[in-house]
Amino acid sequence: MVPQYYDLPSLTALTAFEASARHLSFKLAASELGMRSGEISRQIKAIENDLGVPLFVRRGTDLMLTSAGQDIYSVLASSLLKASDVVRAIKRDRCRHAASDDAFTST
């Protein structure tokens, strides 16, 4: 197995965790990501096994984040929000540049 540069779980597992933590539901996370609930659960279990700590407290169908889960979720949510802001800015700039390029070539 190739070592991972950032020593993180797979992006698939992190995405499954982030959606599950945001919704506090494996079912809603699965629906959002186009996955099955069982696959979400396996991804979460893989992270928990790797870390050696639970990320959720499961009480029937209710989920709650553990302290470790809350720590990871806070960092992931913040990082994804920052990445989303950068992507939106790039798209805005691209549209602005395309509009100015069109104006320049039509004169």
PDB file of N, CA and C in Angstrom:
ATOM      1  N   MET A   1       0.840  -1.185   0.000  1.00  0.00           N
ATOM      2  CA  MET A   1       0.000   0.000   0.000  1.00  0.00           C
ATOM      3  C   MET A   1       0.880   1.242   0.000  1.00  0.00           C
ATOM      4  N   VAL A   2       0.527   2.227  -0.806  1.00  0.00           N
ATOM      5  CA  VAL A   2       1.288   3.463  -0.900  1.00  0.00           C
ATOM      6  C   VAL A   2       0.948   4.351   0.296  1.00  0.00           C
ATOM      7  N   PRO A   3       1.964   4.873   0.982  1.00  0.00           N
ATOM      8  CA  PRO A   3       1.654   5.753   2.117  1.00  0.00           C
ATOM      9  C   PRO A   3       0.944   7.020   1.644  1.00  0.00           C
ATOM     10  N   GLN A   4       0.022   7.500   2.454  1.00  0.00           N
ATOM     11  CA  GLN A   4      -0.724   8.700   2.113  1.00  0.00           C
ATOM     12  C   GLN A   4       0.046   9.928   2.574  1.00  0.00           C
ATOM     13  N   TYR A   5       0.093  10.923   1.724  1.00  0.00           N
ATOM     14  CA  TYR A   5       0.877  12.119   1.989  1.00  0.00           C
ATOM     15  C   TYR A   5       0.450  12.833   3.268  1.00  0.00           C
ATOM     16  N   TYR A   6      -0.834  12.999   3.454  1.00  0.00           N
ATOM     17  CA  TYR A   6      -1.326  13.750   4.617  1.00  0.00           C
ATOM     18  C   TYR A   6      -1.715  12.871   5.794  1.00  0.00           C
ATOM     19  N   ASP A   7      -1.523  11.565   5.702  1.00  0.00           N
ATOM     20  CA  ASP A   7      -1.898  10.630   6.764  1.00  0.00           C
ATOM     21  C   ASP A   7      -3.372  10.793   7.151  1.00  0.00           C
ATOM     22  N   LEU A   8      -4.214  10.861   6.118  1.00  0.00           N
ATOM     23  CA  LEU A   8      -5.653  11.002   6.314  1.00  0.00           C
ATOM     24  C   LEU A   8      -6.380   9.782   5.763  1.00  0.00           C
ATOM     25  N   PRO A   9      -7.591   9.547   6.249  1.00  0.00           N
ATOM     26  CA  PRO A   9      -8.433   8.526   5.619  1.00  0.00           C
ATOM     27  C   PRO A   9      -8.737   8.949   4.177  1.00  0.00           C
ATOM     28  N   SER A  10      -9.315   8.051   3.419  1.00  0.00           N
ATOM     29  CA  SER A  10      -9.651   8.356   2.026  1.00  0.00           C
ATOM     30  C   SER A  10     -10.629   9.525   1.966  1.00  0.00           C
ATOM     31  N   LEU A  11     -10.600  10.235   0.851  1.00  0.00           N
ATOM     32  CA  LEU A  11     -11.542  11.340   0.667  1.00  0.00           C
ATOM     33  C   LEU A  11     -12.976  10.838   0.650  1.00  0.00           C
ATOM     34  N   THR A  12     -13.182   9.622   0.146  1.00  0.00           N
ATOM     35  CA  THR A  12     -14.526   9.033   0.166  1.00  0.00           C
ATOM     36  C   THR A  12     -15.006   8.873   1.599  1.00  0.00           C
ATOM     37  N   ALA A  13     -14.146   8.360   2.459  1.00  0.00           N
ATOM     38  CA  ALA A  13     -14.512   8.172   3.860  1.00  0.00           C
ATOM     39  C   ALA A  13     -14.746   9.515   4.553  1.00  0.00           C
ATOM     40  N   LEU A  14     -13.884  10.490   4.279  1.00  0.00           N
ATOM     41  CA  LEU A  14     -14.049  11.813   4.894  1.00  0.00           C
ATOM     42  C   LEU A  14     -15.326  12.492   4.419  1.00  0.00           C
ATOM     43  N   THR A  15     -15.654  12.324   3.137  1.00  0.00           N
ATOM     44  CA  THR A  15     -16.893  12.889   2.603  1.00  0.00           C
ATOM     45  C   THR A  15     -18.097  12.231   3.262  1.00  0.00           C
ATOM     46  N   ALA A  16     -18.040  10.922   3.416  1.00  0.00           N
ATOM     47  CA  ALA A  16     -19.129  10.195   4.077  1.00  0.00           C
ATOM     48  C   ALA A  16     -19.270  10.657   5.523  1.00  0.00           C
ATOM     49  N   PHE A  17     -18.143  10.847   6.195  1.00  0.00           N
ATOM     50  CA  PHE A  17     -18.186  11.315   7.583  1.00  0.00           C
ATOM     51  C   PHE A  17     -18.770  12.724   7.665  1.00  0.00           C
ATOM     52  N   GLU A  18     -18.293  13.629   6.803  1.00  0.00           N
ATOM     53  CA  GLU A  18     -18.748  15.029   6.859  1.00  0.00           C
ATOM     54  C   GLU A  18     -20.257  15.116   6.654  1.00  0.00           C
ATOM     55  N   ALA A  19     -20.772  14.422   5.649  1.00  0.00           N
ATOM     56  CA  ALA A  19     -22.213  14.455   5.382  1.00  0.00           C
ATOM     57  C   ALA A  19     -22.994  13.822   6.537  1.00  0.00           C
ATOM     58  N   SER A  20     -22.480  12.735   7.087  1.00  0.00           N
ATOM     59  CA  SER A  20     -23.149  12.073   8.218  1.00  0.00           C
ATOM     60  C   SER A  20     -23.170  12.970   9.444  1.00  0.00           C
ATOM     61  N   ALA A  21     -22.056  13.652   9.693  1.00  0.00           N
ATOM     62  CA  ALA A  21     -21.969  14.543  10.843  1.00  0.00           C
ATOM     63  C   ALA A  21     -22.883  15.756  10.666  1.00  0.00           C
ATOM     64  N   ARG A  22     -22.927  16.293   9.461  1.00  0.00           N
ATOM     65  CA  ARG A  22     -23.769  17.462   9.184  1.00  0.00           C
ATOM     66  C   ARG A  22     -25.243  17.118   9.350  1.00  0.00           C
ATOM     67  N   HIS A  23     -25.649  15.952   8.855  1.00  0.00           N
ATOM     68  CA  HIS A  23     -27.054  15.535   8.932  1.00  0.00           C
ATOM     69  C   HIS A  23     -27.380  14.769  10.209  1.00  0.00           C
ATOM     70  N   LEU A  24     -26.348  14.290  10.885  1.00  0.00           N
ATOM     71  CA  LEU A  24     -26.519  13.351  11.997  1.00  0.00           C
ATOM     72  C   LEU A  24     -27.407  12.190  11.565  1.00  0.00           C
ATOM     73  N   SER A  25     -27.127  11.703  10.361  1.00  0.00           N
ATOM     74  CA  SER A  25     -27.902  10.605   9.787  1.00  0.00           C
ATOM     75  C   SER A  25     -27.103   9.943   8.673  1.00  0.00           C
ATOM     76  N   PHE A  26     -26.911   8.636   8.779  1.00  0.00           N
ATOM     77  CA  PHE A  26     -26.263   7.896   7.699  1.00  0.00           C
ATOM     78  C   PHE A  26     -27.194   7.837   6.485  1.00  0.00           C
ATOM     79  N   LYS A  27     -28.492   7.735   6.738  1.00  0.00           N
ATOM     80  CA  LYS A  27     -29.460   7.631   5.654  1.00  0.00           C
ATOM     81  C   LYS A  27     -29.474   8.908   4.805  1.00  0.00           C
ATOM     82  N   LEU A  28     -29.506  10.068   5.451  1.00  0.00           N
ATOM     83  CA  LEU A  28     -29.503  11.328   4.706  1.00  0.00           C
ATOM     84  C   LEU A  28     -28.165  11.555   4.001  1.00  0.00           C
ATOM     85  N   ALA A  29     -27.077  11.174   4.661  1.00  0.00           N
ATOM     86  CA  ALA A  29     -25.761  11.286   4.026  1.00  0.00           C
ATOM     87  C   ALA A  29     -25.702  10.406   2.788  1.00  0.00           C
ATOM     88  N   ALA A  30     -26.199   9.191   2.897  1.00  0.00           N
ATOM     89  CA  ALA A  30     -26.200   8.264   1.764  1.00  0.00           C
ATOM     90  C   ALA A  30     -27.019   8.828   0.609  1.00  0.00           C
ATOM     91  N   SER A  31     -28.173   9.379   0.914  1.00  0.00           N
ATOM     92  CA  SER A  31     -29.026   9.955  -0.122  1.00  0.00           C
ATOM     93  C   SER A  31     -28.316  11.121  -0.811  1.00  0.00           C
ATOM     94  N   GLU A  32     -27.699  11.986  -0.048  1.00  0.00           N
ATOM     95  CA  GLU A  32     -26.984  13.133  -0.609  1.00  0.00           C
ATOM     96  C   GLU A  32     -25.834  12.706  -1.507  1.00  0.00           C
ATOM     97  N   LEU A  33     -25.111  11.670  -1.099  1.00  0.00           N
ATOM     98  CA  LEU A  33     -23.908  11.250  -1.810  1.00  0.00           C
ATOM     99  C   LEU A  33     -24.164  10.166  -2.856  1.00  0.00           C
ATOM    100  N   GLY A  34     -25.405   9.724  -2.971  1.00  0.00           N
ATOM    101  CA  GLY A  34     -25.717   8.665  -3.937  1.00  0.00           C
ATOM    102  C   GLY A  34     -25.104   7.335  -3.543  1.00  0.00           C
ATOM    103  N   MET A  35     -25.069   7.078  -2.258  1.00  0.00           N
ATOM    104  CA  MET A  35     -24.513   5.826  -1.733  1.00  0.00           C
ATOM    105  C   MET A  35     -25.602   5.115  -0.935  1.00  0.00           C
ATOM    106  N   ARG A  36     -25.302   3.900  -0.531  1.00  0.00           N
ATOM    107  CA  ARG A  36     -26.190   3.162   0.362  1.00  0.00           C
ATOM    108  C   ARG A  36     -25.778   3.430   1.807  1.00  0.00           C
ATOM    109  N   SER A  37     -26.735   3.355   2.712  1.00  0.00           N
ATOM    110  CA  SER A  37     -26.451   3.591   4.134  1.00  0.00           C
ATOM    111  C   SER A  37     -25.368   2.653   4.653  1.00  0.00           C
ATOM    112  N   GLY A  38     -25.391   1.403   4.180  1.00  0.00           N
ATOM    113  CA  GLY A  38     -24.382   0.434   4.614  1.00  0.00           C
ATOM    114  C   GLY A  38     -22.977   0.845   4.212  1.00  0.00           C
ATOM    115  N   GLU A  39     -22.836   1.444   3.026  1.00  0.00           N
ATOM    116  CA  GLU A  39     -21.518   1.916   2.575  1.00  0.00           C
ATOM    117  C   GLU A  39     -21.060   3.098   3.416  1.00  0.00           C
ATOM    118  N   ILE A  40     -21.976   3.989   3.755  1.00  0.00           N
ATOM    119  CA  ILE A  40     -21.638   5.108   4.643  1.00  0.00           C
ATOM    120  C   ILE A  40     -21.142   4.550   5.976  1.00  0.00           C
ATOM    121  N   SER A  41     -21.876   3.608   6.516  1.00  0.00           N
ATOM    122  CA  SER A  41     -21.510   2.999   7.796  1.00  0.00           C
ATOM    123  C   SER A  41     -20.130   2.348   7.722  1.00  0.00           C
ATOM    124  N   ARG A  42     -19.829   1.648   6.623  1.00  0.00           N
ATOM    125  CA  ARG A  42     -18.509   1.019   6.463  1.00  0.00           C
ATOM    126  C   ARG A  42     -17.397   2.065   6.384  1.00  0.00           C
ATOM    127  N   GLN A  43     -17.662   3.172   5.700  1.00  0.00           N
ATOM    128  CA  GLN A  43     -16.654   4.232   5.604  1.00  0.00           C
ATOM    129  C   GLN A  43     -16.374   4.841   6.978  1.00  0.00           C
ATOM    130  N   ILE A  44     -17.429   5.068   7.747  1.00  0.00           N
ATOM    131  CA  ILE A  44     -17.273   5.619   9.096  1.00  0.00           C
ATOM    132  C   ILE A  44     -16.514   4.632   9.975  1.00  0.00           C
ATOM    133  N   LYS A  45     -16.882   3.370   9.893  1.00  0.00           N
ATOM    134  CA  LYS A  45     -16.220   2.326  10.689  1.00  0.00           C
ATOM    135  C   LYS A  45     -14.738   2.243  10.346  1.00  0.00           C
ATOM    136  N   ALA A  46     -14.401   2.414   9.056  1.00  0.00           N
ATOM    137  CA  ALA A  46     -12.986   2.385   8.649  1.00  0.00           C
ATOM    138  C   ALA A  46     -12.211   3.524   9.301  1.00  0.00           C
ATOM    139  N   ILE A  47     -12.800   4.721   9.342  1.00  0.00           N
ATOM    140  CA  ILE A  47     -12.124   5.845  10.005  1.00  0.00           C
ATOM    141  C   ILE A  47     -11.987   5.564  11.493  1.00  0.00           C
ATOM    142  N   GLU A  48     -13.064   5.096  12.103  1.00  0.00           N
ATOM    143  CA  GLU A  48     -13.031   4.806  13.541  1.00  0.00           C
ATOM    144  C   GLU A  48     -11.987   3.741  13.866  1.00  0.00           C
ATOM    145  N   ASN A  49     -11.897   2.711  13.033  1.00  0.00           N
ATOM    146  CA  ASN A  49     -10.896   1.660  13.257  1.00  0.00           C
ATOM    147  C   ASN A  49      -9.481   2.217  13.112  1.00  0.00           C
ATOM    148  N   ASP A  50      -9.277   3.074  12.117  1.00  0.00           N
ATOM    149  CA  ASP A  50      -7.967   3.684  11.901  1.00  0.00           C
ATOM    150  C   ASP A  50      -7.566   4.564  13.081  1.00  0.00           C
ATOM    151  N   LEU A  51      -8.514   5.333  13.595  1.00  0.00           N
ATOM    152  CA  LEU A  51      -8.225   6.240  14.706  1.00  0.00           C
ATOM    153  C   LEU A  51      -8.232   5.540  16.064  1.00  0.00           C
ATOM    154  N   GLY A  52      -8.988   4.465  16.141  1.00  0.00           N
ATOM    155  CA  GLY A  52      -9.100   3.745  17.413  1.00  0.00           C
ATOM    156  C   GLY A  52     -10.071   4.385  18.388  1.00  0.00           C
ATOM    157  N   VAL A  53     -10.916   5.276  17.892  1.00  0.00           N
ATOM    158  CA  VAL A  53     -11.934   5.923  18.732  1.00  0.00           C
ATOM    159  C   VAL A  53     -13.235   6.038  17.945  1.00  0.00           C
ATOM    160  N   PRO A  54     -14.369   6.015  18.646  1.00  0.00           N
ATOM    161  CA  PRO A  54     -15.639   6.220  17.942  1.00  0.00           C
ATOM    162  C   PRO A  54     -15.817   7.691  17.577  1.00  0.00           C
ATOM    163  N   LEU A  55     -16.478   7.936  16.452  1.00  0.00           N
ATOM    164  CA  LEU A  55     -16.777   9.302  16.023  1.00  0.00           C
ATOM    165  C   LEU A  55     -18.240   9.654  16.278  1.00  0.00           C
ATOM    166  N   PHE A  56     -19.069   8.624  16.386  1.00  0.00           N
ATOM    167  CA  PHE A  56     -20.494   8.806  16.653  1.00  0.00           C
ATOM    168  C   PHE A  56     -20.903   7.933  17.817  1.00  0.00           C
ATOM    169  N   VAL A  57     -21.892   8.395  18.549  1.00  0.00           N
ATOM    170  CA  VAL A  57     -22.602   7.568  19.515  1.00  0.00           C
ATOM    171  C   VAL A  57     -23.895   7.203  18.818  1.00  0.00           C
ATOM    172  N   ARG A  58     -24.151   5.908  18.708  1.00  0.00           N
ATOM    173  CA  ARG A  58     -25.342   5.425  18.013  1.00  0.00           C
ATOM    174  C   ARG A  58     -26.359   4.963  19.050  1.00  0.00           C
ATOM    175  N   ARG A  59     -27.527   5.564  19.021  1.00  0.00           N
ATOM    176  CA  ARG A  59     -28.624   5.165  19.907  1.00  0.00           C
ATOM    177  C   ARG A  59     -29.834   4.884  19.033  1.00  0.00           C
ATOM    178  N   GLY A  60     -29.974   3.622  18.652  1.00  0.00           N
ATOM    179  CA  GLY A  60     -31.039   3.262  17.716  1.00  0.00           C
ATOM    180  C   GLY A  60     -30.743   3.918  16.378  1.00  0.00           C
ATOM    181  N   THR A  61     -31.656   4.762  15.915  1.00  0.00           N
ATOM    182  CA  THR A  61     -31.442   5.464  14.653  1.00  0.00           C
ATOM    183  C   THR A  61     -30.852   6.862  14.870  1.00  0.00           C
ATOM    184  N   ASP A  62     -30.722   7.274  16.123  1.00  0.00           N
ATOM    185  CA  ASP A  62     -30.158   8.601  16.419  1.00  0.00           C
ATOM    186  C   ASP A  62     -28.641   8.542  16.450  1.00  0.00           C
ATOM    187  N   LEU A  63     -28.022   9.580  15.914  1.00  0.00           N
ATOM    188  CA  LEU A  63     -26.564   9.713  15.938  1.00  0.00           C
ATOM    189  C   LEU A  63     -26.185  10.989  16.665  1.00  0.00           C
ATOM    190  N   MET A  64     -25.124  10.907  17.427  1.00  0.00           N
ATOM    191  CA  MET A  64     -24.533  12.077  18.059  1.00  0.00           C
ATOM    192  C   MET A  64     -23.029  11.995  17.847  1.00  0.00           C
ATOM    193  N   LEU A  65     -22.401  13.141  17.647  1.00  0.00           N
ATOM    194  CA  LEU A  65     -20.945  13.154  17.507  1.00  0.00           C
ATOM    195  C   LEU A  65     -20.279  13.006  18.865  1.00  0.00           C
ATOM    196  N   THR A  66     -19.223  12.217  18.898  1.00  0.00           N
ATOM    197  CA  THR A  66     -18.386  12.172  20.089  1.00  0.00           C
ATOM    198  C   THR A  66     -17.496  13.417  20.075  1.00  0.00           C
ATOM    199  N   SER A  67     -16.717  13.590  21.098  1.00  0.00           N
ATOM    200  CA  SER A  67     -15.783  14.717  21.152  1.00  0.00           C
ATOM    201  C   SER A  67     -14.804  14.656  19.979  1.00  0.00           C
ATOM    202  N   ALA A  68     -14.264  13.478  19.698  1.00  0.00           N
ATOM    203  CA  ALA A  68     -13.341  13.314  18.567  1.00  0.00           C
ATOM    204  C   ALA A  68     -14.063  13.587  17.248  1.00  0.00           C
ATOM    205  N   GLY A  69     -15.294  13.116  17.124  1.00  0.00           N
ATOM    206  CA  GLY A  69     -16.079  13.355  15.922  1.00  0.00           C
ATOM    207  C   GLY A  69     -16.334  14.834  15.712  1.00  0.00           C
ATOM    208  N   GLN A  70     -16.649  15.539  16.786  1.00  0.00           N
ATOM    209  CA  GLN A  70     -16.887  16.984  16.696  1.00  0.00           C
ATOM    210  C   GLN A  70     -15.611  17.712  16.279  1.00  0.00           C
ATOM    211  N   ASP A  71     -14.474  17.282  16.820  1.00  0.00           N
ATOM    212  CA  ASP A  71     -13.190  17.905  16.451  1.00  0.00           C
ATOM    213  C   ASP A  71     -12.915  17.758  14.961  1.00  0.00           C
ATOM    214  N   ILE A  72     -13.079  16.539  14.445  1.00  0.00           N
ATOM    215  CA  ILE A  72     -12.819  16.297  13.023  1.00  0.00           C
ATOM    216  C   ILE A  72     -13.842  17.040  12.167  1.00  0.00           C
ATOM    217  N   TYR A  73     -15.111  16.989  12.570  1.00  0.00           N
ATOM    218  CA  TYR A  73     -16.143  17.658  11.787  1.00  0.00           C
ATOM    219  C   TYR A  73     -15.889  19.166  11.700  1.00  0.00           C
ATOM    220  N   SER A  74     -15.517  19.783  12.799  1.00  0.00           N
ATOM    221  CA  SER A  74     -15.267  21.231  12.799  1.00  0.00           C
ATOM    222  C   SER A  74     -14.187  21.604  11.796  1.00  0.00           C
ATOM    223  N   VAL A  75     -13.107  20.838  11.779  1.00  0.00           N
ATOM    224  CA  VAL A  75     -12.002  21.117  10.845  1.00  0.00           C
ATOM    225  C   VAL A  75     -12.433  20.856   9.402  1.00  0.00           C
ATOM    226  N   LEU A  76     -13.115  19.741   9.166  1.00  0.00           N
ATOM    227  CA  LEU A  76     -13.564  19.419   7.803  1.00  0.00           C
ATOM    228  C   LEU A  76     -14.542  20.470   7.282  1.00  0.00           C
ATOM    229  N   ALA A  77     -15.526  20.827   8.093  1.00  0.00           N
ATOM    230  CA  ALA A  77     -16.529  21.796   7.651  1.00  0.00           C
ATOM    231  C   ALA A  77     -15.878  23.136   7.337  1.00  0.00           C
ATOM    232  N   SER A  78     -14.976  23.573   8.180  1.00  0.00           N
ATOM    233  CA  SER A  78     -14.278  24.842   7.962  1.00  0.00           C
ATOM    234  C   SER A  78     -13.423  24.787   6.700  1.00  0.00           C
ATOM    235  N   SER A  79     -12.705  23.699   6.524  1.00  0.00           N
ATOM    236  CA  SER A  79     -11.838  23.547   5.347  1.00  0.00           C
ATOM    237  C   SER A  79     -12.649  23.476   4.063  1.00  0.00           C
ATOM    238  N   LEU A  80     -13.753  22.744   4.086  1.00  0.00           N
ATOM    239  CA  LEU A  80     -14.595  22.634   2.891  1.00  0.00           C
ATOM    240  C   LEU A  80     -15.257  23.969   2.561  1.00  0.00           C
ATOM    241  N   LEU A  81     -15.628  24.729   3.579  1.00  0.00           N
ATOM    242  CA  LEU A  81     -16.205  26.046   3.342  1.00  0.00           C
ATOM    243  C   LEU A  81     -15.177  26.972   2.687  1.00  0.00           C
ATOM    244  N   LYS A  82     -13.944  26.927   3.180  1.00  0.00           N
ATOM    245  CA  LYS A  82     -12.877  27.743   2.584  1.00  0.00           C
ATOM    246  C   LYS A  82     -12.618  27.322   1.139  1.00  0.00           C
ATOM    247  N   ALA A  83     -12.573  26.033   0.884  1.00  0.00           N
ATOM    248  CA  ALA A  83     -12.357  25.537  -0.479  1.00  0.00           C
ATOM    249  C   ALA A  83     -13.509  25.975  -1.380  1.00  0.00           C
ATOM    250  N   SER A  84     -14.726  25.907  -0.870  1.00  0.00           N
ATOM    251  CA  SER A  84     -15.896  26.326  -1.636  1.00  0.00           C
ATOM    252  C   SER A  84     -15.821  27.811  -1.978  1.00  0.00           C
ATOM    253  N   ASP A  85     -15.390  28.631  -1.034  1.00  0.00           N
ATOM    254  CA  ASP A  85     -15.237  30.069  -1.285  1.00  0.00           C
ATOM    255  C   ASP A  85     -14.219  30.332  -2.394  1.00  0.00           C
ATOM    256  N   VAL A  86     -13.112  29.612  -2.366  1.00  0.00           N
ATOM    257  CA  VAL A  86     -12.076  29.783  -3.393  1.00  0.00           C
ATOM    258  C   VAL A  86     -12.609  29.356  -4.758  1.00  0.00           C
ATOM    259  N   VAL A  87     -13.305  28.227  -4.809  1.00  0.00           N
ATOM    260  CA  VAL A  87     -13.860  27.740  -6.085  1.00  0.00           C
ATOM    261  C   VAL A  87     -14.851  28.757  -6.646  1.00  0.00           C
ATOM    262  N   ARG A  88     -15.734  29.288  -5.797  1.00  0.00           N
ATOM    263  CA  ARG A  88     -16.695  30.296  -6.264  1.00  0.00           C
ATOM    264  C   ARG A  88     -15.978  31.541  -6.787  1.00  0.00           C
ATOM    265  N   ALA A  89     -14.927  31.971  -6.097  1.00  0.00           N
ATOM    266  CA  ALA A  89     -14.167  33.152  -6.537  1.00  0.00           C
ATOM    267  C   ALA A  89     -13.508  32.896  -7.888  1.00  0.00           C
ATOM    268  N   ILE A  90     -12.948  31.725  -8.069  1.00  0.00           N
ATOM    269  CA  ILE A  90     -12.315  31.389  -9.347  1.00  0.00           C
ATOM    270  C   ILE A  90     -13.358  31.396 -10.466  1.00  0.00           C
ATOM    271  N   LYS A  91     -14.518  30.816 -10.203  1.00  0.00           N
ATOM    272  CA  LYS A  91     -15.576  30.790 -11.216  1.00  0.00           C
ATOM    273  C   LYS A  91     -16.059  32.201 -11.540  1.00  0.00           C
ATOM    274  N   ARG A  92     -16.199  33.047 -10.521  1.00  0.00           N
ATOM    275  CA  ARG A  92     -16.614  34.435 -10.759  1.00  0.00           C
ATOM    276  C   ARG A  92     -15.587  35.153 -11.624  1.00  0.00           C
ATOM    277  N   ASP A  93     -14.307  34.981 -11.279  1.00  0.00           N
ATOM    278  CA  ASP A  93     -13.241  35.622 -12.042  1.00  0.00           C
ATOM    279  C   ASP A  93     -13.202  35.110 -13.475  1.00  0.00           C
ATOM    280  N   ARG A  94     -13.401  33.811 -13.646  1.00  0.00           N
ATOM    281  CA  ARG A  94     -13.413  33.229 -14.987  1.00  0.00           C
ATOM    282  C   ARG A  94     -14.530  33.839 -15.813  1.00  0.00           C
ATOM    283  N   CYS A  95     -15.706  33.986 -15.228  1.00  0.00           N
ATOM    284  CA  CYS A  95     -16.837  34.579 -15.945  1.00  0.00           C
ATOM    285  C   CYS A  95     -16.563  36.038 -16.262  1.00  0.00           C
ATOM    286  N   ARG A  96     -15.961  36.753 -15.325  1.00  0.00           N
ATOM    287  CA  ARG A  96     -15.625  38.157 -15.546  1.00  0.00           C
ATOM    288  C   ARG A  96     -14.605  38.304 -16.663  1.00  0.00           C
ATOM    289  N   HIS A  97     -13.583  37.438 -16.641  1.00  0.00           N
ATOM    290  CA  HIS A  97     -12.554  37.470 -17.682  1.00  0.00           C
ATOM    291  C   HIS A  97     -13.130  37.097 -19.041  1.00  0.00           C
ATOM    292  N   ALA A  98     -14.012  36.112 -19.050  1.00  0.00           N
ATOM    293  CA  ALA A  98     -14.629  35.693 -20.312  1.00  0.00           C
ATOM    294  C   ALA A  98     -15.473  36.829 -20.880  1.00  0.00           C
ATOM    295  N   ALA A  99     -16.193  37.530 -20.022  1.00  0.00           N
ATOM    296  CA  ALA A  99     -17.022  38.649 -20.475  1.00  0.00           C
ATOM    297  C   ALA A  99     -16.148  39.778 -21.005  1.00  0.00           C
ATOM    298  N   SER A 100     -15.047  40.064 -20.330  1.00  0.00           N
ATOM    299  CA  SER A 100     -14.169  41.140 -20.811  1.00  0.00           C
ATOM    300  C   SER A 100     -13.435  40.711 -22.082  1.00  0.00           C
ATOM    301  N   ASP A 101     -13.091  39.442 -22.204  1.00  0.00           N
ATOM    302  CA  ASP A 101     -12.461  38.938 -23.434  1.00  0.00           C
ATOM    303  C   ASP A 101     -13.427  39.043 -24.610  1.00  0.00           C
ATOM    304  N   ASP A 102     -14.717  38.719 -24.362  1.00  0.00           N
ATOM    305  CA  ASP A 102     -15.727  38.820 -25.408  1.00  0.00           C
ATOM    306  C   ASP A 102     -15.896  40.270 -25.850  1.00  0.00           C
ATOM    307  N   ALA A 103     -15.898  41.193 -24.882  1.00  0.00           N
ATOM    308  CA  ALA A 103     -16.037  42.614 -25.220  1.00  0.00           C
ATOM    309  C   ALA A 103     -14.843  43.097 -26.005  1.00  0.00           C
ATOM    310  N   PHE A 104     -13.658  42.608 -25.662  1.00  0.00           N
ATOM    311  CA  PHE A 104     -12.437  43.020 -26.343  1.00  0.00           C
ATOM    312  C   PHE A 104     -12.393  42.511 -27.771  1.00  0.00           C
ATOM    313  N   THR A 105     -12.813  41.252 -27.986  1.00  0.00           N
ATOM    314  CA  THR A 105     -12.732  40.664 -29.336  1.00  0.00           C
ATOM    315  C   THR A 105     -13.844  41.149 -30.242  1.00  0.00           C
ATOM    316  N   SER A 106     -14.933  41.690 -29.685  1.00  0.00           N
ATOM    317  CA  SER A 106     -16.028  42.141 -30.533  1.00  0.00           C
ATOM    318  C   SER A 106     -15.865  43.580 -30.999  1.00  0.00           C
ATOM    319  N   THR A 107     -14.830  44.276 -30.540  1.00  0.00           N
ATOM    320  CA  THR A 107     -14.637  45.669 -30.968  1.00  0.00           C
ATOM    321  C   THR A 107     -13.768  45.771 -32.174  1.00  0.00           C
TER     322      THR A 107
END
